Amino acid sequence: MNKATLSLADLEVGQKALIAKIHTPDKDTLKKLIAMGLLPDTSITLIRKKPAYLFEIENSRFAVDGDLAKNIFVKLFS
């Protein structure tokens, strides 16, 4: 696996990656993201960027705004 870490917002549409970490000072937001399945080493696929960042984890799709997408860090598959 590539060691470079980038944000979900930096992925290209259709690109797959592994979640590395989530950075948010808001505990409620963090709890919601964990409930969505955003956990380290979980595979994530970016579906679209506008009007919101739509991503897929396993067979579920979720959307977040741009600010939050910039705080979800992923590692690309090599």
Protein backbone atom coordinates (compact mmCIF):
# COMPACT_ATOMS: atom_id res chain seq x y z
CA MET A 1 0.00 0.00 0.00
CA ASN A 2 1.13 3.53 -0.77
CA LYS A 3 2.29 5.38 2.36
CA ALA A 4 0.90 8.74 1.17
CA THR A 5 -2.14 9.95 3.10
CA LEU A 6 -4.60 12.34 1.51
CA SER A 7 -8.10 13.54 2.27
CA LEU A 8 -11.31 12.10 0.89
CA ALA A 9 -11.75 15.43 -0.93
CA ASP A 10 -8.50 14.75 -2.84
CA LEU A 11 -9.68 11.44 -4.30
CA GLU A 12 -10.86 11.20 -7.88
CA VAL A 13 -14.41 10.01 -8.51
CA GLY A 14 -14.40 6.20 -8.63
CA GLN A 15 -11.14 5.92 -6.72
CA LYS A 16 -10.88 3.43 -3.85
CA ALA A 17 -8.80 3.83 -0.71
CA LEU A 18 -8.48 2.71 2.90
CA ILE A 19 -9.50 5.00 5.72
CA ALA A 20 -6.42 6.08 7.68
CA LYS A 21 -7.90 8.48 10.26
CA ILE A 22 -10.59 11.06 10.92
CA HIS A 23 -9.79 14.48 12.33
CA THR A 24 -12.63 16.37 13.97
CA PRO A 25 -12.74 18.13 17.34
CA ASP A 26 -16.52 17.61 17.48
CA LYS A 27 -17.26 14.38 19.36
CA ASP A 28 -20.83 14.16 18.03
CA THR A 29 -19.60 14.36 14.43
CA LEU A 30 -16.99 11.70 15.16
CA LYS A 31 -19.66 9.41 16.62
CA LYS A 32 -21.82 9.86 13.50
CA LEU A 33 -18.90 9.04 11.20
CA ILE A 34 -18.04 5.93 13.20
CA ALA A 35 -21.70 4.88 13.01
CA MET A 36 -21.44 5.22 9.19
CA GLY A 37 -18.60 2.73 9.27
CA LEU A 38 -15.71 5.15 8.85
CA LEU A 39 -13.13 3.12 10.73
CA PRO A 40 -9.38 2.71 10.14
CA ASP A 41 -8.45 0.22 7.40
CA THR A 42 -12.00 0.20 5.99
CA SER A 43 -12.29 0.37 2.20
CA ILE A 44 -14.02 3.49 0.86
CA THR A 45 -14.94 4.49 -2.71
CA LEU A 46 -15.66 8.07 -3.75
CA ILE A 47 -18.83 8.12 -5.90
CA ARG A 48 -19.18 11.85 -6.59
CA LYS A 49 -18.00 15.25 -5.33
CA LYS A 50 -20.95 17.57 -6.02
CA PRO A 51 -23.29 18.71 -4.56
CA ALA A 52 -21.82 16.71 -1.65
CA TYR A 53 -19.10 14.11 -1.29
CA LEU A 54 -20.89 10.81 -1.80
CA PHE A 55 -18.94 7.72 -0.82
CA GLU A 56 -19.55 4.02 -0.46
CA ILE A 57 -18.49 1.73 2.36
CA GLU A 58 -19.36 -1.93 1.74
CA ASN A 59 -22.90 -1.74 0.29
CA SER A 60 -23.92 1.55 1.91
CA ARG A 61 -23.64 5.08 0.56
CA PHE A 62 -23.24 8.25 2.62
CA ALA A 63 -22.73 11.95 1.92
CA VAL A 64 -20.70 14.60 3.76
CA ASP A 65 -19.93 18.24 3.04
CA GLY A 66 -16.60 19.48 1.74
CA ASP A 67 -15.26 20.60 5.11
CA LEU A 68 -15.81 17.17 6.58
CA ALA A 69 -14.44 15.40 3.50
CA LYS A 70 -11.18 17.31 3.99
CA ASN A 71 -10.89 15.83 7.50
CA ILE A 72 -11.32 12.20 6.47
CA PHE A 73 -7.85 10.89 5.63
CA VAL A 74 -7.26 7.89 3.40
CA LYS A 75 -4.41 5.83 1.95
CA LEU A 76 -4.50 4.79 -1.68
CA PHE A 77 -4.24 1.18 -2.74
CA SER A 78 -0.96 0.54 -4.54
